[in-house]
Amino acid sequence: MKIILPIEVADALLPQLPSNTAVVRVDSEGNLDGDISDAEVYFSWYFLKPTTLHKILTTATQLRWHHAPNAGVNHILTPTFTPTYLERNLILTNSAGVHGIPIAEFVIAFMLAHAKKLRQLYTFAAEHHWQRGFQIQDLWDAKLLIIGAGGIGREIAARAKAFGMEIYGSRRHPEPLPNFDKVVGANEWRSLLSEVDYVVIATPLTKETKGMIDAEALRLMRPNAYLINIARGAIVDESALVKALQEGWIAGAALDTVFTEPLPSESPLWLLPNIFITPHCSAHSSRVKERTLALFLNNLTSYRDGKPLRNVVDINAGY
């Protein structure tokens, strides 16, 4: 069996592959060190370029399975490439689960930074300024809505529950889940916006979710509510969010992802005092590479044995 591996992890994976496995390396520009016309498996890496994916799909005519290191695959299932996956019945798997721990910890950090006024306290410390008497909040008894109760959403809920929060969630197929006090369907989350203190966006970017945090949704939120986006920037209508933050519809927002990345220096988001912007780094961890490779190797064993793979993407649904 022949596998296409990214140069970033090929050397780490080689000692763990079966002895009869042939490997072709590919770099970020799509340069290959061998023939891939008979390759069955493609393991892509982060920041996959459309030109590289196009080259792989058109050259590897025997390809049967593509594994992506990302949880979100909206950069793969574009109008350009989706028809190819459907027509060739290609299996696409993602790495949902490997980023859950660091992202969930980041969400807790965002909530604590807001509740405990950490940014203000850092400023006081830098200025050698001793001040008391401003309002600091608890997470205890606060209500949290997680839009997208998938793997990452469940990791967030597990940690938030330890802080004594009341947790609501939404997902395509609602069912009772550990640590959630209520789980509703994918179209019912708007009815909960007026009840919660924190809203976390953890849903994949699809044609249904693009722009769904719009002016109407922001108007439904409480004036003290705090919005956190660790999913994809295009899920939020940024012009509506700017207006909401400027006019006090909500208390603030933390964005680890934005519509255009890197965020342009002229973006009005940079100027808002009630927003916390981070450079799409909530999934970063020294353990993510290790977890990603372990998932791929586990799936590779299942693939060779003809068993079901983990994290198979529904091509039509987009996740």
C-alpha atoms as a PDB file:
ATOM      1  CA  MET A   1       0.000   0.000   0.000  1.00  0.00           C
ATOM      2  CA  LYS A   2       1.222   3.495  -0.843  1.00  0.00           C
ATOM      3  CA  ILE A   3       0.599   6.527   1.376  1.00  0.00           C
ATOM      4  CA  ILE A   4       1.131  10.223   0.707  1.00  0.00           C
ATOM      5  CA  LEU A   5       2.515  11.896   3.836  1.00  0.00           C
ATOM      6  CA  PRO A   6       3.269  15.553   4.617  1.00  0.00           C
ATOM      7  CA  ILE A   7       6.966  16.242   5.045  1.00  0.00           C
ATOM      8  CA  GLU A   8       6.198  17.843   8.429  1.00  0.00           C
ATOM      9  CA  VAL A   9       5.448  14.454  10.037  1.00  0.00           C
ATOM     10  CA  ALA A  10       6.708  11.819   7.575  1.00  0.00           C
ATOM     11  CA  ASP A  11       9.897  11.034   9.514  1.00  0.00           C
ATOM     12  CA  ALA A  12       7.967  10.665  12.776  1.00  0.00           C
ATOM     13  CA  LEU A  13       5.468   8.295  11.172  1.00  0.00           C
ATOM     14  CA  LEU A  14       7.817   6.085   9.132  1.00  0.00           C
ATOM     15  CA  PRO A  15       9.034   3.895  12.036  1.00  0.00           C
ATOM     16  CA  GLN A  16       5.426   3.223  13.022  1.00  0.00           C
ATOM     17  CA  LEU A  17       4.164   2.120   9.596  1.00  0.00           C
ATOM     18  CA  PRO A  18       3.917  -1.516   8.450  1.00  0.00           C
ATOM     19  CA  SER A  19       7.072  -2.687   6.684  1.00  0.00           C
ATOM     20  CA  ASN A  20       5.296  -3.149   3.350  1.00  0.00           C
ATOM     21  CA  THR A  21       4.106   0.474   3.209  1.00  0.00           C
ATOM     22  CA  ALA A  22       5.435   2.714   0.441  1.00  0.00           C
ATOM     23  CA  VAL A  23       5.588   6.411   1.247  1.00  0.00           C
ATOM     24  CA  VAL A  24       5.639   9.514  -0.942  1.00  0.00           C
ATOM     25  CA  ARG A  25       6.326  12.820   0.763  1.00  0.00           C
ATOM     26  CA  VAL A  26       4.593  16.062  -0.198  1.00  0.00           C
ATOM     27  CA  ASP A  27       5.501  19.585   0.900  1.00  0.00           C
ATOM     28  CA  SER A  28       3.237  22.589   1.416  1.00  0.00           C
ATOM     29  CA  GLU A  29       3.647  23.636  -2.230  1.00  0.00           C
ATOM     30  CA  GLY A  30       2.574  20.247  -3.558  1.00  0.00           C
ATOM     31  CA  ASN A  31       6.055  19.034  -4.516  1.00  0.00           C
ATOM     32  CA  LEU A  32       6.277  15.234  -4.381  1.00  0.00           C
ATOM     33  CA  ASP A  33       9.281  12.942  -4.056  1.00  0.00           C
ATOM     34  CA  GLY A  34       7.683  10.037  -5.925  1.00  0.00           C
ATOM     35  CA  ASP A  35       4.852   8.687  -8.059  1.00  0.00           C
ATOM     36  CA  ILE A  36       1.408   8.897  -6.421  1.00  0.00           C
ATOM     37  CA  SER A  37      -0.736   7.535  -9.252  1.00  0.00           C
ATOM     38  CA  ASP A  38      -1.278   4.306  -7.286  1.00  0.00           C
ATOM     39  CA  ALA A  39      -1.477   5.830  -3.785  1.00  0.00           C
ATOM     40  CA  GLU A  40      -4.497   4.789  -1.705  1.00  0.00           C
ATOM     41  CA  VAL A  41      -4.132   7.053   1.340  1.00  0.00           C
ATOM     42  CA  TYR A  42      -3.411  10.771   1.693  1.00  0.00           C
ATOM     43  CA  PHE A  43      -2.624  12.398   5.042  1.00  0.00           C
ATOM     44  CA  SER A  44      -2.678  16.168   4.535  1.00  0.00           C
ATOM     45  CA  TRP A  45      -1.327  18.764   6.962  1.00  0.00           C
ATOM     46  CA  TYR A  46      -2.325  22.189   8.264  1.00  0.00           C
ATOM     47  CA  PHE A  47      -2.652  25.168   5.896  1.00  0.00           C
ATOM     48  CA  LEU A  48      -3.404  22.904   2.944  1.00  0.00           C
ATOM     49  CA  LYS A  49      -3.296  24.961  -0.253  1.00  0.00           C
ATOM     50  CA  PRO A  50      -6.017  24.475  -2.886  1.00  0.00           C
ATOM     51  CA  THR A  51      -3.321  24.008  -5.543  1.00  0.00           C
ATOM     52  CA  THR A  52      -1.761  21.172  -3.539  1.00  0.00           C
ATOM     53  CA  LEU A  53      -5.090  19.452  -2.964  1.00  0.00           C
ATOM     54  CA  HIS A  54      -5.955  19.809  -6.667  1.00  0.00           C
ATOM     55  CA  LYS A  55      -2.655  18.198  -7.640  1.00  0.00           C
ATOM     56  CA  ILE A  56      -3.152  15.289  -5.254  1.00  0.00           C
ATOM     57  CA  LEU A  57      -6.733  14.603  -6.334  1.00  0.00           C
ATOM     58  CA  THR A  58      -5.981  14.751 -10.048  1.00  0.00           C
ATOM     59  CA  THR A  59      -2.738  12.730  -9.890  1.00  0.00           C
ATOM     60  CA  ALA A  60      -3.616  10.105  -7.277  1.00  0.00           C
ATOM     61  CA  THR A  61      -6.304   8.414  -9.353  1.00  0.00           C
ATOM     62  CA  GLN A  62      -6.432   5.366  -7.053  1.00  0.00           C
ATOM     63  CA  LEU A  63      -6.929   7.416  -3.875  1.00  0.00           C
ATOM     64  CA  ARG A  64      -9.529   5.963  -1.511  1.00  0.00           C
ATOM     65  CA  TRP A  65      -9.043   7.784   1.804  1.00  0.00           C
ATOM     66  CA  HIS A  66      -7.968  11.314   2.796  1.00  0.00           C
ATOM     67  CA  HIS A  67      -7.261  12.134   6.437  1.00  0.00           C
ATOM     68  CA  ALA A  68      -7.087  15.795   7.507  1.00  0.00           C
ATOM     69  CA  PRO A  69      -5.410  17.059  10.711  1.00  0.00           C
ATOM     70  CA  ASN A  70      -8.122  19.686  11.218  1.00  0.00           C
ATOM     71  CA  ALA A  71     -11.490  19.304  12.897  1.00  0.00           C
ATOM     72  CA  GLY A  72     -13.126  21.703  10.433  1.00  0.00           C
ATOM     73  CA  VAL A  73     -12.874  20.697   6.768  1.00  0.00           C
ATOM     74  CA  ASN A  74     -14.612  23.657   5.128  1.00  0.00           C
ATOM     75  CA  HIS A  75     -11.315  24.456   3.340  1.00  0.00           C
ATOM     76  CA  ILE A  76     -11.480  21.008   1.714  1.00  0.00           C
ATOM     77  CA  LEU A  77     -15.196  20.650   1.023  1.00  0.00           C
ATOM     78  CA  THR A  78     -15.446  23.701  -1.212  1.00  0.00           C
ATOM     79  CA  PRO A  79     -17.598  23.898  -4.362  1.00  0.00           C
ATOM     80  CA  THR A  80     -14.418  23.091  -6.291  1.00  0.00           C
ATOM     81  CA  PHE A  81     -13.523  19.871  -4.495  1.00  0.00           C
ATOM     82  CA  THR A  82     -16.738  18.490  -2.982  1.00  0.00           C
ATOM     83  CA  PRO A  83     -17.989  17.025  -6.296  1.00  0.00           C
ATOM     84  CA  THR A  84     -14.741  15.041  -6.613  1.00  0.00           C
ATOM     85  CA  TYR A  85     -15.170  13.446  -3.177  1.00  0.00           C
ATOM     86  CA  LEU A  86     -18.772  12.569  -3.980  1.00  0.00           C
ATOM     87  CA  GLU A  87     -18.161  11.265  -7.501  1.00  0.00           C
ATOM     88  CA  ARG A  88     -15.174   9.130  -6.511  1.00  0.00           C
ATOM     89  CA  ASN A  89     -16.744   8.072  -3.193  1.00  0.00           C
ATOM     90  CA  LEU A  90     -13.594   9.185  -1.387  1.00  0.00           C
ATOM     91  CA  ILE A  91     -13.527   8.723   2.369  1.00  0.00           C
ATOM     92  CA  LEU A  92     -12.635  11.911   4.215  1.00  0.00           C
ATOM     93  CA  THR A  93     -11.799  11.752   7.920  1.00  0.00           C
ATOM     94  CA  ASN A  94     -10.927  14.654  10.195  1.00  0.00           C
ATOM     95  CA  SER A  95      -9.106  14.996  13.495  1.00  0.00           C
ATOM     96  CA  ALA A  96     -12.062  15.990  15.642  1.00  0.00           C
ATOM     97  CA  GLY A  97     -11.157  15.322  19.256  1.00  0.00           C
ATOM     98  CA  VAL A  98      -7.434  15.998  19.164  1.00  0.00           C
ATOM     99  CA  HIS A  99      -7.944  19.734  19.695  1.00  0.00           C
ATOM    100  CA  GLY A 100     -10.718  19.479  22.275  1.00  0.00           C
ATOM    101  CA  ILE A 101      -8.599  19.793  25.409  1.00  0.00           C
ATOM    102  CA  PRO A 102      -6.568  22.906  24.491  1.00  0.00           C
ATOM    103  CA  ILE A 103      -9.590  24.651  22.950  1.00  0.00           C
ATOM    104  CA  ALA A 104     -11.758  23.903  25.979  1.00  0.00           C
ATOM    105  CA  GLU A 105      -9.060  25.265  28.291  1.00  0.00           C
ATOM    106  CA  PHE A 106      -8.865  28.392  26.131  1.00  0.00           C
ATOM    107  CA  VAL A 107     -12.617  28.921  26.413  1.00  0.00           C
ATOM    108  CA  ILE A 108     -12.392  28.684  30.195  1.00  0.00           C
ATOM    109  CA  ALA A 109      -9.536  31.204  30.060  1.00  0.00           C
ATOM    110  CA  PHE A 110     -11.677  33.587  27.991  1.00  0.00           C
ATOM    111  CA  MET A 111     -14.563  33.310  30.457  1.00  0.00           C
ATOM    112  CA  LEU A 112     -12.329  33.786  33.503  1.00  0.00           C
ATOM    113  CA  ALA A 113     -10.559  36.735  31.872  1.00  0.00           C
ATOM    114  CA  HIS A 114     -13.953  38.391  31.380  1.00  0.00           C
ATOM    115  CA  ALA A 115     -15.466  37.475  34.748  1.00  0.00           C
ATOM    116  CA  LYS A 116     -12.366  38.314  36.803  1.00  0.00           C
ATOM    117  CA  LYS A 117     -11.407  41.437  34.800  1.00  0.00           C
ATOM    118  CA  LEU A 118      -7.944  40.001  34.166  1.00  0.00           C
ATOM    119  CA  ARG A 119      -7.066  42.353  31.324  1.00  0.00           C
ATOM    120  CA  GLN A 120      -7.831  45.347  33.557  1.00  0.00           C
ATOM    121  CA  LEU A 121      -5.828  43.833  36.405  1.00  0.00           C
ATOM    122  CA  TYR A 122      -2.846  43.210  34.097  1.00  0.00           C
ATOM    123  CA  THR A 123      -2.989  46.888  33.130  1.00  0.00           C
ATOM    124  CA  PHE A 124      -3.080  47.957  36.772  1.00  0.00           C
ATOM    125  CA  ALA A 125      -0.057  45.779  37.543  1.00  0.00           C
ATOM    126  CA  ALA A 126       1.916  47.124  34.570  1.00  0.00           C
ATOM    127  CA  GLU A 127       1.177  50.687  35.746  1.00  0.00           C
ATOM    128  CA  HIS A 128       2.000  49.875  39.408  1.00  0.00           C
ATOM    129  CA  HIS A 129      -1.535  50.950  40.209  1.00  0.00           C
ATOM    130  CA  TRP A 130      -3.339  49.538  43.252  1.00  0.00           C
ATOM    131  CA  GLN A 131      -7.119  49.733  42.845  1.00  0.00           C
ATOM    132  CA  ARG A 132      -9.971  47.835  44.416  1.00  0.00           C
ATOM    133  CA  GLY A 133     -13.734  48.112  44.366  1.00  0.00           C
ATOM    134  CA  PHE A 134     -14.591  47.284  40.757  1.00  0.00           C
ATOM    135  CA  GLN A 135     -17.050  44.491  39.996  1.00  0.00           C
ATOM    136  CA  ILE A 136     -15.706  40.956  39.627  1.00  0.00           C
ATOM    137  CA  GLN A 137     -18.058  38.110  38.752  1.00  0.00           C
ATOM    138  CA  ASP A 138     -18.316  34.383  39.465  1.00  0.00           C
ATOM    139  CA  LEU A 139     -18.704  31.652  36.885  1.00  0.00           C
ATOM    140  CA  TRP A 140     -20.680  29.741  39.517  1.00  0.00           C
ATOM    141  CA  ASP A 141     -24.375  29.641  38.545  1.00  0.00           C
ATOM    142  CA  ALA A 142     -23.712  31.501  35.269  1.00  0.00           C
ATOM    143  CA  LYS A 143     -25.500  30.086  32.223  1.00  0.00           C
ATOM    144  CA  LEU A 144     -23.503  28.922  29.225  1.00  0.00           C
ATOM    145  CA  LEU A 145     -24.807  28.080  25.742  1.00  0.00           C
ATOM    146  CA  ILE A 146     -22.492  25.986  23.555  1.00  0.00           C
ATOM    147  CA  ILE A 147     -23.606  26.141  19.930  1.00  0.00           C
ATOM    148  CA  GLY A 148     -22.266  22.849  18.628  1.00  0.00           C
ATOM    149  CA  ALA A 149     -22.238  20.094  21.250  1.00  0.00           C
ATOM    150  CA  GLY A 150     -19.754  17.933  19.373  1.00  0.00           C
ATOM    151  CA  GLY A 151     -16.382  16.732  20.616  1.00  0.00           C
ATOM    152  CA  ILE A 152     -15.027  20.208  21.383  1.00  0.00           C
ATOM    153  CA  GLY A 153     -18.348  21.350  22.822  1.00  0.00           C
ATOM    154  CA  ARG A 154     -18.413  18.383  25.187  1.00  0.00           C
ATOM    155  CA  GLU A 155     -14.851  19.084  26.367  1.00  0.00           C
ATOM    156  CA  ILE A 156     -15.882  22.683  27.089  1.00  0.00           C
ATOM    157  CA  ALA A 157     -18.958  21.504  28.995  1.00  0.00           C
ATOM    158  CA  ALA A 158     -16.920  19.114  31.157  1.00  0.00           C
ATOM    159  CA  ARG A 159     -14.659  21.918  32.323  1.00  0.00           C
ATOM    160  CA  ALA A 160     -17.395  24.528  32.678  1.00  0.00           C
ATOM    161  CA  LYS A 161     -19.470  22.160  34.798  1.00  0.00           C
ATOM    162  CA  ALA A 162     -16.563  21.958  37.270  1.00  0.00           C
ATOM    163  CA  PHE A 163     -17.014  25.716  37.770  1.00  0.00           C
ATOM    164  CA  GLY A 164     -20.673  25.208  38.658  1.00  0.00           C
ATOM    165  CA  MET A 165     -22.132  26.611  35.449  1.00  0.00           C
ATOM    166  CA  GLU A 166     -25.549  25.718  34.025  1.00  0.00           C
ATOM    167  CA  ILE A 167     -24.896  24.454  30.518  1.00  0.00           C
ATOM    168  CA  TYR A 168     -27.104  24.385  27.439  1.00  0.00           C
ATOM    169  CA  GLY A 169     -26.087  22.961  24.086  1.00  0.00           C
ATOM    170  CA  SER A 170     -27.315  22.571  20.530  1.00  0.00           C
ATOM    171  CA  ARG A 171     -26.577  19.899  17.958  1.00  0.00           C
ATOM    172  CA  ARG A 172     -28.068  18.508  14.768  1.00  0.00           C
ATOM    173  CA  HIS A 173     -29.453  15.437  16.545  1.00  0.00           C
ATOM    174  CA  PRO A 174     -30.291  16.497  20.132  1.00  0.00           C
ATOM    175  CA  GLU A 175     -29.924  13.951  22.902  1.00  0.00           C
ATOM    176  CA  PRO A 176     -29.006  14.045  26.602  1.00  0.00           C
ATOM    177  CA  LEU A 177     -25.253  14.486  27.053  1.00  0.00           C
ATOM    178  CA  PRO A 178     -22.998  14.389  30.131  1.00  0.00           C
ATOM    179  CA  ASN A 179     -22.509  17.808  31.778  1.00  0.00           C
ATOM    180  CA  PHE A 180     -25.283  19.464  29.737  1.00  0.00           C
ATOM    181  CA  ASP A 181     -28.430  20.554  31.556  1.00  0.00           C
ATOM    182  CA  LYS A 182     -30.312  20.889  28.270  1.00  0.00           C
ATOM    183  CA  VAL A 183     -29.578  19.987  24.639  1.00  0.00           C
ATOM    184  CA  VAL A 184     -31.735  21.344  21.830  1.00  0.00           C
ATOM    185  CA  GLY A 185     -31.832  20.894  18.066  1.00  0.00           C
ATOM    186  CA  ALA A 186     -29.633  22.807  15.658  1.00  0.00           C
ATOM    187  CA  ASN A 187     -32.397  25.314  14.878  1.00  0.00           C
ATOM    188  CA  GLU A 188     -33.516  25.918  18.476  1.00  0.00           C
ATOM    189  CA  TRP A 189     -30.497  27.669  19.991  1.00  0.00           C
ATOM    190  CA  ARG A 190     -31.882  31.159  19.303  1.00  0.00           C
ATOM    191  CA  SER A 191     -34.630  30.563  21.844  1.00  0.00           C
ATOM    192  CA  LEU A 192     -31.955  30.202  24.552  1.00  0.00           C
ATOM    193  CA  LEU A 193     -29.974  33.379  23.807  1.00  0.00           C
ATOM    194  CA  SER A 194     -32.008  35.568  26.138  1.00  0.00           C
ATOM    195  CA  GLU A 195     -31.334  33.209  29.066  1.00  0.00           C
ATOM    196  CA  VAL A 196     -27.551  32.849  29.026  1.00  0.00           C
ATOM    197  CA  ASP A 197     -24.499  34.788  30.206  1.00  0.00           C
ATOM    198  CA  TYR A 198     -21.973  33.204  27.837  1.00  0.00           C
ATOM    199  CA  VAL A 199     -22.361  31.964  24.260  1.00  0.00           C
ATOM    200  CA  VAL A 200     -19.626  29.790  22.776  1.00  0.00           C
ATOM    201  CA  ILE A 201     -19.578  29.030  19.061  1.00  0.00           C
ATOM    202  CA  ALA A 202     -18.177  25.523  18.535  1.00  0.00           C
ATOM    203  CA  THR A 203     -20.074  24.452  15.423  1.00  0.00           C
ATOM    204  CA  PRO A 204     -18.504  23.652  12.036  1.00  0.00           C
ATOM    205  CA  LEU A 205     -18.692  26.193   9.225  1.00  0.00           C
ATOM    206  CA  THR A 206     -21.238  25.015   6.660  1.00  0.00           C
ATOM    207  CA  LYS A 207     -23.636  26.775   4.324  1.00  0.00           C
ATOM    208  CA  GLU A 208     -26.232  26.558   7.105  1.00  0.00           C
ATOM    209  CA  THR A 209     -24.014  28.078   9.807  1.00  0.00           C
ATOM    210  CA  LYS A 210     -22.323  30.802   7.748  1.00  0.00           C
ATOM    211  CA  GLY A 211     -23.336  34.187   9.166  1.00  0.00           C
ATOM    212  CA  MET A 212     -25.833  32.688  11.608  1.00  0.00           C
ATOM    213  CA  ILE A 213     -24.646  34.910  14.484  1.00  0.00           C
ATOM    214  CA  ASP A 214     -26.301  37.904  12.872  1.00  0.00           C
ATOM    215  CA  ALA A 215     -27.868  41.114  14.128  1.00  0.00           C
ATOM    216  CA  GLU A 216     -31.050  39.278  15.113  1.00  0.00           C
ATOM    217  CA  ALA A 217     -29.121  36.770  17.228  1.00  0.00           C
ATOM    218  CA  LEU A 218     -27.029  39.475  18.874  1.00  0.00           C
ATOM    219  CA  ARG A 219     -30.164  41.497  19.673  1.00  0.00           C
ATOM    220  CA  LEU A 220     -31.603  38.460  21.465  1.00  0.00           C
ATOM    221  CA  MET A 221     -28.632  38.218  23.829  1.00  0.00           C
ATOM    222  CA  ARG A 222     -28.522  39.861  27.246  1.00  0.00           C
ATOM    223  CA  PRO A 223     -26.666  43.169  27.680  1.00  0.00           C
ATOM    224  CA  ASN A 224     -24.329  41.365  30.090  1.00  0.00           C
ATOM    225  CA  ALA A 225     -23.738  38.418  27.734  1.00  0.00           C
ATOM    226  CA  TYR A 226     -20.293  37.507  26.423  1.00  0.00           C
ATOM    227  CA  LEU A 227     -19.719  35.897  23.005  1.00  0.00           C
ATOM    228  CA  ILE A 228     -16.798  33.519  22.362  1.00  0.00           C
ATOM    229  CA  ASN A 229     -15.913  32.171  18.907  1.00  0.00           C
ATOM    230  CA  ILE A 230     -13.374  29.334  18.662  1.00  0.00           C
ATOM    231  CA  ALA A 231     -14.881  27.819  15.503  1.00  0.00           C
ATOM    232  CA  ARG A 232     -14.714  29.772  12.222  1.00  0.00           C
ATOM    233  CA  GLY A 233     -14.905  33.515  11.678  1.00  0.00           C
ATOM    234  CA  ALA A 234     -17.484  33.340   8.901  1.00  0.00           C
ATOM    235  CA  ILE A 235     -20.100  32.049  11.350  1.00  0.00           C
ATOM    236  CA  VAL A 236     -20.331  35.582  12.774  1.00  0.00           C
ATOM    237  CA  ASP A 237     -21.611  38.613  10.883  1.00  0.00           C
ATOM    238  CA  GLU A 238     -18.714  40.899  11.824  1.00  0.00           C
ATOM    239  CA  SER A 239     -20.409  44.166  10.882  1.00  0.00           C
ATOM    240  CA  ALA A 240     -23.335  43.248  13.134  1.00  0.00           C
ATOM    241  CA  LEU A 241     -20.925  42.281  15.923  1.00  0.00           C
ATOM    242  CA  VAL A 242     -19.082  45.605  15.686  1.00  0.00           C
ATOM    243  CA  LYS A 243     -22.388  47.443  16.012  1.00  0.00           C
ATOM    244  CA  ALA A 244     -23.468  45.228  18.926  1.00  0.00           C
ATOM    245  CA  LEU A 245     -20.238  45.935  20.797  1.00  0.00           C
ATOM    246  CA  GLN A 246     -20.251  49.641  20.035  1.00  0.00           C
ATOM    247  CA  GLU A 247     -23.873  50.107  21.114  1.00  0.00           C
ATOM    248  CA  GLY A 248     -23.799  47.784  24.128  1.00  0.00           C
ATOM    249  CA  TRP A 249     -26.181  45.086  22.902  1.00  0.00           C
ATOM    250  CA  ILE A 250     -23.776  42.639  24.587  1.00  0.00           C
ATOM    251  CA  ALA A 251     -21.013  43.115  27.127  1.00  0.00           C
ATOM    252  CA  GLY A 252     -18.140  41.872  25.005  1.00  0.00           C
ATOM    253  CA  ALA A 253     -16.640  39.162  22.836  1.00  0.00           C
ATOM    254  CA  ALA A 254     -13.566  36.969  22.543  1.00  0.00           C
ATOM    255  CA  LEU A 255     -12.602  35.961  19.013  1.00  0.00           C
ATOM    256  CA  ASP A 256      -9.954  33.368  18.307  1.00  0.00           C
ATOM    257  CA  THR A 257     -11.024  33.329  14.664  1.00  0.00           C
ATOM    258  CA  VAL A 258     -12.224  36.048  12.306  1.00  0.00           C
ATOM    259  CA  PHE A 259     -13.566  36.251   8.761  1.00  0.00           C
ATOM    260  CA  THR A 260     -10.258  37.397   7.235  1.00  0.00           C
ATOM    261  CA  GLU A 261      -7.086  35.974   8.761  1.00  0.00           C
ATOM    262  CA  PRO A 262      -4.743  37.568   9.616  1.00  0.00           C
ATOM    263  CA  LEU A 263      -7.121  40.273  10.767  1.00  0.00           C
ATOM    264  CA  PRO A 264      -6.332  43.417   8.715  1.00  0.00           C
ATOM    265  CA  SER A 265      -4.843  46.283  10.708  1.00  0.00           C
ATOM    266  CA  GLU A 266      -7.650  48.579   9.541  1.00  0.00           C
ATOM    267  CA  SER A 267     -10.401  46.307  10.908  1.00  0.00           C
ATOM    268  CA  PRO A 268     -12.677  48.142  13.378  1.00  0.00           C
ATOM    269  CA  LEU A 269     -12.515  45.061  15.614  1.00  0.00           C
ATOM    270  CA  TRP A 270      -9.039  46.106  16.765  1.00  0.00           C
ATOM    271  CA  LEU A 271     -10.366  49.401  18.141  1.00  0.00           C
ATOM    272  CA  LEU A 272     -13.117  48.044  20.371  1.00  0.00           C
ATOM    273  CA  PRO A 273     -12.298  48.082  24.103  1.00  0.00           C
ATOM    274  CA  ASN A 274     -14.716  45.236  24.923  1.00  0.00           C
ATOM    275  CA  ILE A 275     -13.227  42.644  22.586  1.00  0.00           C
ATOM    276  CA  PHE A 276     -10.394  40.145  23.102  1.00  0.00           C
ATOM    277  CA  ILE A 277      -8.766  39.003  19.838  1.00  0.00           C
ATOM    278  CA  THR A 278      -6.325  36.089  19.673  1.00  0.00           C
ATOM    279  CA  PRO A 279      -4.584  34.823  16.485  1.00  0.00           C
ATOM    280  CA  HIS A 280      -6.470  31.548  15.918  1.00  0.00           C
ATOM    281  CA  CYS A 281      -4.288  29.793  18.480  1.00  0.00           C
ATOM    282  CA  SER A 282      -6.789  28.146  20.848  1.00  0.00           C
ATOM    283  CA  ALA A 283      -6.022  24.696  19.415  1.00  0.00           C
ATOM    284  CA  HIS A 284      -2.264  25.049  19.878  1.00  0.00           C
ATOM    285  CA  SER A 285      -0.652  22.606  22.265  1.00  0.00           C
ATOM    286  CA  SER A 286       2.553  20.643  22.530  1.00  0.00           C
ATOM    287  CA  ARG A 287       0.372  17.524  22.598  1.00  0.00           C
ATOM    288  CA  VAL A 288      -1.712  18.126  19.432  1.00  0.00           C
ATOM    289  CA  LYS A 289       0.818  16.655  16.986  1.00  0.00           C
ATOM    290  CA  GLU A 290       1.142  13.531  19.136  1.00  0.00           C
ATOM    291  CA  ARG A 291      -2.643  13.108  19.301  1.00  0.00           C
ATOM    292  CA  THR A 292      -3.082  13.754  15.578  1.00  0.00           C
ATOM    293  CA  LEU A 293      -0.531  11.124  14.571  1.00  0.00           C
ATOM    294  CA  ALA A 294      -2.009   8.610  17.017  1.00  0.00           C
ATOM    295  CA  LEU A 295      -5.463   9.096  15.501  1.00  0.00           C
ATOM    296  CA  PHE A 296      -4.129   8.656  11.962  1.00  0.00           C
ATOM    297  CA  LEU A 297      -2.219   5.491  12.882  1.00  0.00           C
ATOM    298  CA  ASN A 298      -5.282   4.069  14.645  1.00  0.00           C
ATOM    299  CA  ASN A 299      -7.379   4.752  11.556  1.00  0.00           C
ATOM    300  CA  LEU A 300      -4.695   3.315   9.290  1.00  0.00           C
ATOM    301  CA  THR A 301      -4.850   0.026  11.199  1.00  0.00           C
ATOM    302  CA  SER A 302      -8.637   0.004  10.821  1.00  0.00           C
ATOM    303  CA  TYR A 303      -8.331   0.814   7.114  1.00  0.00           C
ATOM    304  CA  ARG A 304      -5.914  -2.061   6.499  1.00  0.00           C
ATOM    305  CA  ASP A 305      -8.183  -4.427   8.451  1.00  0.00           C
ATOM    306  CA  GLY A 306     -11.324  -3.317   6.615  1.00  0.00           C
ATOM    307  CA  LYS A 307     -12.889  -1.916   9.769  1.00  0.00           C
ATOM    308  CA  PRO A 308     -14.875   1.351  10.124  1.00  0.00           C
ATOM    309  CA  LEU A 309     -12.777   4.493  10.463  1.00  0.00           C
ATOM    310  CA  ARG A 310     -13.135   7.109  13.189  1.00  0.00           C
ATOM    311  CA  ASN A 311     -14.263  10.649  12.340  1.00  0.00           C
ATOM    312  CA  VAL A 312     -15.677   9.968   8.891  1.00  0.00           C
ATOM    313  CA  VAL A 313     -16.978  13.256   7.466  1.00  0.00           C
ATOM    314  CA  ASP A 314     -20.457  13.474   5.997  1.00  0.00           C
ATOM    315  CA  ILE A 315     -19.520  15.037   2.663  1.00  0.00           C
ATOM    316  CA  ASN A 316     -22.995  16.413   2.052  1.00  0.00           C
ATOM    317  CA  ALA A 317     -23.316  17.894   5.551  1.00  0.00           C
ATOM    318  CA  GLY A 318     -19.784  19.303   5.485  1.00  0.00           C
ATOM    319  CA  TYR A 319     -18.617  17.828   8.812  1.00  0.00           C
END
